C-alpha atoms as a PDB file:
ATOM      1  CA  MET A   1       4.750  35.128 -42.548  1.00  0.00           C
ATOM      2  CA  LYS A   2       6.339  33.050 -39.696  1.00  0.00           C
ATOM      3  CA  ALA A   3       5.716  35.890 -37.230  1.00  0.00           C
ATOM      4  CA  LEU A   4       1.963  36.054 -38.309  1.00  0.00           C
ATOM      5  CA  LEU A   5       1.598  32.284 -37.808  1.00  0.00           C
ATOM      6  CA  ALA A   6       3.124  32.555 -34.399  1.00  0.00           C
ATOM      7  CA  ALA A   7       0.855  35.513 -33.399  1.00  0.00           C
ATOM      8  CA  MET A   8      -2.228  33.523 -34.706  1.00  0.00           C
ATOM      9  CA  ARG A   9      -1.185  30.520 -32.559  1.00  0.00           C
ATOM     10  CA  ARG A  10      -0.643  32.684 -29.517  1.00  0.00           C
ATOM     11  CA  ALA A  11      -4.168  34.241 -29.842  1.00  0.00           C
ATOM     12  CA  GLU A  12      -5.692  30.807 -30.318  1.00  0.00           C
ATOM     13  CA  VAL A  13      -3.839  29.418 -27.270  1.00  0.00           C
ATOM     14  CA  LEU A  14      -5.136  32.416 -25.244  1.00  0.00           C
ATOM     15  CA  LEU A  15      -8.741  31.940 -26.412  1.00  0.00           C
ATOM     16  CA  THR A  16      -8.823  28.229 -25.931  1.00  0.00           C
ATOM     17  CA  THR A  17      -7.178  28.396 -22.523  1.00  0.00           C
ATOM     18  CA  THR A  18      -9.681  31.068 -21.400  1.00  0.00           C
ATOM     19  CA  ALA A  19     -12.601  29.070 -22.651  1.00  0.00           C
ATOM     20  CA  PHE A  20     -11.266  25.923 -20.945  1.00  0.00           C
ATOM     21  CA  VAL A  21     -10.871  27.748 -17.655  1.00  0.00           C
ATOM     22  CA  VAL A  22     -14.352  29.199 -17.969  1.00  0.00           C
ATOM     23  CA  LEU A  23     -15.718  25.721 -18.756  1.00  0.00           C
ATOM     24  CA  ILE A  24     -13.935  24.116 -15.751  1.00  0.00           C
ATOM     25  CA  ALA A  25     -14.976  26.856 -13.398  1.00  0.00           C
ATOM     26  CA  VAL A  26     -18.659  26.792 -14.392  1.00  0.00           C
ATOM     27  CA  ILE A  27     -18.817  22.984 -14.142  1.00  0.00           C
ATOM     28  CA  PHE A  28     -16.980  22.958 -10.746  1.00  0.00           C
ATOM     29  CA  GLY A  29     -19.148  25.724  -9.419  1.00  0.00           C
ATOM     30  CA  ASP A  30     -22.329  24.007 -10.519  1.00  0.00           C
ATOM     31  CA  VAL A  31     -21.307  20.728  -8.957  1.00  0.00           C
ATOM     32  CA  VAL A  32     -20.363  22.386  -5.680  1.00  0.00           C
ATOM     33  CA  MET A  33     -23.639  24.358  -5.629  1.00  0.00           C
ATOM     34  CA  ARG A  34     -25.555  21.166  -6.147  1.00  0.00           C
ATOM     35  CA  ARG A  35     -23.799  19.447  -3.255  1.00  0.00           C
ATOM     36  CA  VAL A  36     -24.083  22.410  -0.970  1.00  0.00           C
ATOM     37  CA  THR A  37     -27.479  23.706  -1.689  1.00  0.00           C
ATOM     38  CA  GLY A  38     -29.165  20.846  -3.565  1.00  0.00           C
ATOM     39  CA  SER A  39     -29.648  23.146  -6.555  1.00  0.00           C
ATOM     40  CA  GLY A  40     -27.178  24.063  -9.291  1.00  0.00           C
ATOM     41  CA  ILE A  41     -26.413  27.308 -11.001  1.00  0.00           C
ATOM     42  CA  VAL A  42     -29.217  27.890 -13.441  1.00  0.00           C
ATOM     43  CA  TRP A  43     -27.070  29.455 -16.200  1.00  0.00           C
ATOM     44  CA  ALA A  44     -24.099  27.012 -15.748  1.00  0.00           C
ATOM     45  CA  ARG A  45     -24.999  24.623 -18.595  1.00  0.00           C
ATOM     46  CA  GLU A  46     -25.558  27.415 -21.129  1.00  0.00           C
ATOM     47  CA  LEU A  47     -22.319  29.209 -20.246  1.00  0.00           C
ATOM     48  CA  GLY A  48     -20.537  25.825 -20.300  1.00  0.00           C
ATOM     49  CA  VAL A  49     -21.863  25.096 -23.828  1.00  0.00           C
ATOM     50  CA  PHE A  50     -20.739  28.551 -24.977  1.00  0.00           C
ATOM     51  CA  ALA A  51     -17.234  27.972 -23.622  1.00  0.00           C
ATOM     52  CA  ASN A  52     -17.114  24.501 -25.242  1.00  0.00           C
ATOM     53  CA  ILE A  53     -18.063  25.900 -28.607  1.00  0.00           C
ATOM     54  CA  VAL A  54     -15.282  28.438 -28.442  1.00  0.00           C
ATOM     55  CA  LEU A  55     -12.828  25.861 -27.184  1.00  0.00           C
ATOM     56  CA  THR A  56     -13.662  23.342 -29.919  1.00  0.00           C
ATOM     57  CA  ILE A  57     -13.890  25.742 -32.925  1.00  0.00           C
ATOM     58  CA  ILE A  58     -10.753  27.667 -32.055  1.00  0.00           C
ATOM     59  CA  GLY A  59      -9.102  24.438 -31.255  1.00  0.00           C
ATOM     60  CA  ILE A  60      -9.241  23.408 -34.926  1.00  0.00           C
ATOM     61  CA  GLY A  61      -6.625  26.094 -35.663  1.00  0.00           C
ATOM     62  CA  LEU A  62      -4.356  24.857 -32.934  1.00  0.00           C
ATOM     63  CA  ALA A  63      -4.522  21.271 -34.338  1.00  0.00           C
ATOM     64  CA  SER A  64      -3.592  22.522 -37.851  1.00  0.00           C
ATOM     65  CA  SER A  65      -0.903  24.768 -36.520  1.00  0.00           C
ATOM     66  CA  ASP A  66       0.733  21.806 -34.737  1.00  0.00           C
ATOM     67  CA  GLY A  67       0.163  19.205 -37.524  1.00  0.00           C
ATOM     68  CA  THR A  68      -2.126  17.146 -35.225  1.00  0.00           C
ATOM     69  CA  HIS A  69      -5.361  17.610 -37.117  1.00  0.00           C
ATOM     70  CA  LEU A  70      -7.206  14.642 -38.509  1.00  0.00           C
ATOM     71  CA  ARG A  71      -6.702  14.039 -42.109  1.00  0.00           C
ATOM     72  CA  PRO A  72      -7.166  10.985 -44.459  1.00  0.00           C
ATOM     73  CA  ARG A  73      -3.718   9.321 -45.039  1.00  0.00           C
ATOM     74  CA  VAL A  74      -5.077   6.605 -47.301  1.00  0.00           C
ATOM     75  CA  PHE A  75      -4.323   8.684 -50.453  1.00  0.00           C
ATOM     76  CA  ASP A  76      -0.805   9.690 -49.508  1.00  0.00           C
ATOM     77  CA  ARG A  77       0.917   6.906 -51.594  1.00  0.00           C
ATOM     78  CA  LEU A  78      -1.429   7.086 -54.665  1.00  0.00           C
ATOM     79  CA  VAL A  79       1.137   9.370 -56.394  1.00  0.00           C
ATOM     80  CA  PRO A  80       4.755   8.995 -56.837  1.00  0.00           C
ATOM     81  CA  ARG A  81       6.972  10.387 -53.984  1.00  0.00           C
ATOM     82  CA  ASP A  82       8.652  12.921 -56.138  1.00  0.00           C
ATOM     83  CA  TRP A  83       5.276  14.672 -56.625  1.00  0.00           C
ATOM     84  CA  ASP A  84       5.137  15.388 -52.856  1.00  0.00           C
ATOM     85  CA  PRO A  85       6.118  19.086 -53.114  1.00  0.00           C
ATOM     86  CA  ALA A  86       3.442  19.811 -55.660  1.00  0.00           C
ATOM     87  CA  MET A  87       0.893  17.634 -53.918  1.00  0.00           C
ATOM     88  CA  THR A  88       1.618  19.496 -50.608  1.00  0.00           C
ATOM     89  CA  ARG A  89       1.037  22.816 -52.244  1.00  0.00           C
ATOM     90  CA  ILE A  90      -2.176  21.627 -53.896  1.00  0.00           C
ATOM     91  CA  GLN A  91      -3.376  20.073 -50.621  1.00  0.00           C
ATOM     92  CA  GLU A  92      -2.801  23.308 -48.611  1.00  0.00           C
ATOM     93  CA  ALA A  93      -4.428  25.396 -51.323  1.00  0.00           C
ATOM     94  CA  LEU A  94      -7.531  23.176 -51.387  1.00  0.00           C
ATOM     95  CA  THR A  95      -7.666  23.342 -47.612  1.00  0.00           C
ATOM     96  CA  ALA A  96      -7.287  27.158 -47.602  1.00  0.00           C
ATOM     97  CA  ILE A  97     -10.157  27.329 -50.250  1.00  0.00           C
ATOM     98  CA  ALA A  98     -12.309  25.065 -48.036  1.00  0.00           C
ATOM     99  CA  PHE A  99     -11.574  27.180 -44.972  1.00  0.00           C
ATOM    100  CA  GLY A 100     -12.247  30.430 -46.950  1.00  0.00           C
ATOM    101  CA  THR A 101     -15.660  28.960 -48.198  1.00  0.00           C
ATOM    102  CA  LEU A 102     -16.698  27.977 -44.599  1.00  0.00           C
ATOM    103  CA  ALA A 103     -15.627  31.450 -43.294  1.00  0.00           C
ATOM    104  CA  TRP A 104     -17.801  33.187 -45.901  1.00  0.00           C
ATOM    105  CA  ILE A 105     -20.788  30.887 -45.017  1.00  0.00           C
ATOM    106  CA  ALA A 106     -20.171  31.320 -41.265  1.00  0.00           C
ATOM    107  CA  TYR A 107     -20.124  35.064 -41.716  1.00  0.00           C
ATOM    108  CA  GLY A 108     -23.477  35.003 -43.357  1.00  0.00           C
ATOM    109  CA  VAL A 109     -24.887  32.937 -40.451  1.00  0.00           C
ATOM    110  CA  VAL A 110     -23.581  35.427 -37.963  1.00  0.00           C
ATOM    111  CA  GLN A 111     -25.092  38.282 -40.084  1.00  0.00           C
ATOM    112  CA  GLU A 112     -28.519  36.533 -40.032  1.00  0.00           C
ATOM    113  CA  THR A 113     -28.241  35.917 -36.253  1.00  0.00           C
ATOM    114  CA  ILE A 114     -27.532  39.638 -35.668  1.00  0.00           C
ATOM    115  CA  ALA A 115     -30.470  40.598 -37.958  1.00  0.00           C
ATOM    116  CA  LEU A 116     -32.849  38.294 -36.113  1.00  0.00           C
ATOM    117  CA  ASP A 117     -31.427  39.320 -32.759  1.00  0.00           C
ATOM    118  CA  ASP A 118     -31.223  35.695 -31.677  1.00  0.00           C
ATOM    119  CA  ARG A 119     -30.648  35.337 -27.959  1.00  0.00           C
ATOM    120  CA  SER A 120     -29.766  32.406 -25.662  1.00  0.00           C
ATOM    121  CA  ILE A 121     -32.651  30.943 -23.702  1.00  0.00           C
ATOM    122  CA  VAL A 122     -31.398  31.262 -20.095  1.00  0.00           C
ATOM    123  CA  LEU A 123     -28.843  34.061 -20.161  1.00  0.00           C
ATOM    124  CA  ARG A 124     -30.795  36.140 -22.786  1.00  0.00           C
ATOM    125  CA  TRP A 125     -27.353  37.082 -24.284  1.00  0.00           C
ATOM    126  CA  ALA A 126     -27.026  37.827 -27.959  1.00  0.00           C
ATOM    127  CA  VAL A 127     -25.738  34.626 -29.674  1.00  0.00           C
ATOM    128  CA  TRP A 128     -23.673  36.248 -32.401  1.00  0.00           C
ATOM    129  CA  PRO A 129     -20.586  36.993 -30.187  1.00  0.00           C
ATOM    130  CA  ILE A 130     -20.202  33.311 -29.602  1.00  0.00           C
ATOM    131  CA  GLN A 131     -20.977  32.505 -33.275  1.00  0.00           C
ATOM    132  CA  LEU A 132     -18.313  34.944 -34.249  1.00  0.00           C
ATOM    133  CA  CYS A 133     -15.693  32.346 -33.395  1.00  0.00           C
ATOM    134  CA  LEU A 134     -16.777  30.317 -36.464  1.00  0.00           C
ATOM    135  CA  PRO A 135     -16.004  32.808 -39.227  1.00  0.00           C
ATOM    136  CA  LEU A 136     -12.847  33.943 -37.311  1.00  0.00           C
ATOM    137  CA  ALA A 137     -11.511  30.381 -36.824  1.00  0.00           C
ATOM    138  CA  PHE A 138     -12.292  29.508 -40.468  1.00  0.00           C
ATOM    139  CA  ALA A 139     -10.663  32.708 -41.646  1.00  0.00           C
ATOM    140  CA  ALA A 140      -7.539  31.900 -39.605  1.00  0.00           C
ATOM    141  CA  GLY A 141      -7.578  28.516 -41.233  1.00  0.00           C
ATOM    142  CA  PHE A 142      -7.781  30.150 -44.685  1.00  0.00           C
ATOM    143  CA  VAL A 143      -4.773  32.362 -43.814  1.00  0.00           C
ATOM    144  CA  ARG A 144      -2.751  29.587 -42.182  1.00  0.00           C
ATOM    145  CA  HIS A 145      -3.236  27.003 -45.014  1.00  0.00           C
ATOM    146  CA  GLY A 146      -2.833  29.702 -47.704  1.00  0.00           C
ATOM    147  CA  ILE A 147       0.589  30.529 -46.089  1.00  0.00           C
ATOM    148  CA  PHE A 148       1.383  26.840 -45.986  1.00  0.00           C
ATOM    149  CA  ALA A 149       0.575  26.614 -49.716  1.00  0.00           C
ATOM    150  CA  LEU A 150       2.803  29.601 -50.581  1.00  0.00           C
ATOM    151  CA  ASP A 151       5.623  28.335 -48.322  1.00  0.00           C
ATOM    152  CA  PRO A 152       5.393  24.649 -47.412  1.00  0.00           C
ATOM    153  CA  ALA A 153       8.592  24.970 -45.257  1.00  0.00           C
ATOM    154  CA  LEU A 154       6.358  26.774 -42.657  1.00  0.00           C
ATOM    155  CA  ARG A 155       3.964  23.844 -42.561  1.00  0.00           C
ATOM    156  CA  PRO A 156       4.299  21.607 -39.444  1.00  0.00           C
ATOM    157  CA  GLY A 157       5.191  17.976 -39.941  1.00  0.00           C
ATOM    158  CA  ASP A 158       2.255  15.557 -39.599  1.00  0.00           C
ATOM    159  CA  ARG A 159       2.082  13.903 -36.246  1.00  0.00           C
ATOM    160  CA  GLY A 160       0.251  10.771 -35.197  1.00  0.00           C
ATOM    161  CA  GLU A 161      -1.611   9.994 -31.946  1.00  0.00           C
ATOM    162  CA  GLY A 162       1.508   8.801 -30.155  1.00  0.00           C
ATOM    163  CA  ASP A 163       3.854  11.514 -31.295  1.00  0.00           C
ATOM    164  CA  VAL A 164       5.140  14.013 -28.793  1.00  0.00           C
ATOM    165  CA  PRO A 165       5.757  17.671 -29.832  1.00  0.00           C
END
């Protein structure tokens, strides 16, 4: 399970890094073209939005794999400390169920987009390949948090804003 988690993280790092590079390159290219020619790249904004969607959605998995995701901490001390092991498993199981539900819903959205042949306005690309990051990211969250529920020792420690990995 540890190897699977590591492989998932590597894939997410590769995807988010690629999306970030595309986003930066498109924005930079558009700005340079505006300065040089007075007119930007027509498709730059749309491609930038696509890259940002992939970066953001896949980034959810990176945050949870590192323990840096946002979560409400207000409820942490409502139960006795000796319940922590059980509460951790319950929390991770509920998170896995939520991600599984979102993956199923997102899969339905992608199926509908394919059926309707939705396309982007400027590039005229099919939208579903970009949307595919939604069910994939949510399915990865389902698997990751399911593993954390089964083996809490594989779960990363929670980190705050100022904590360094």
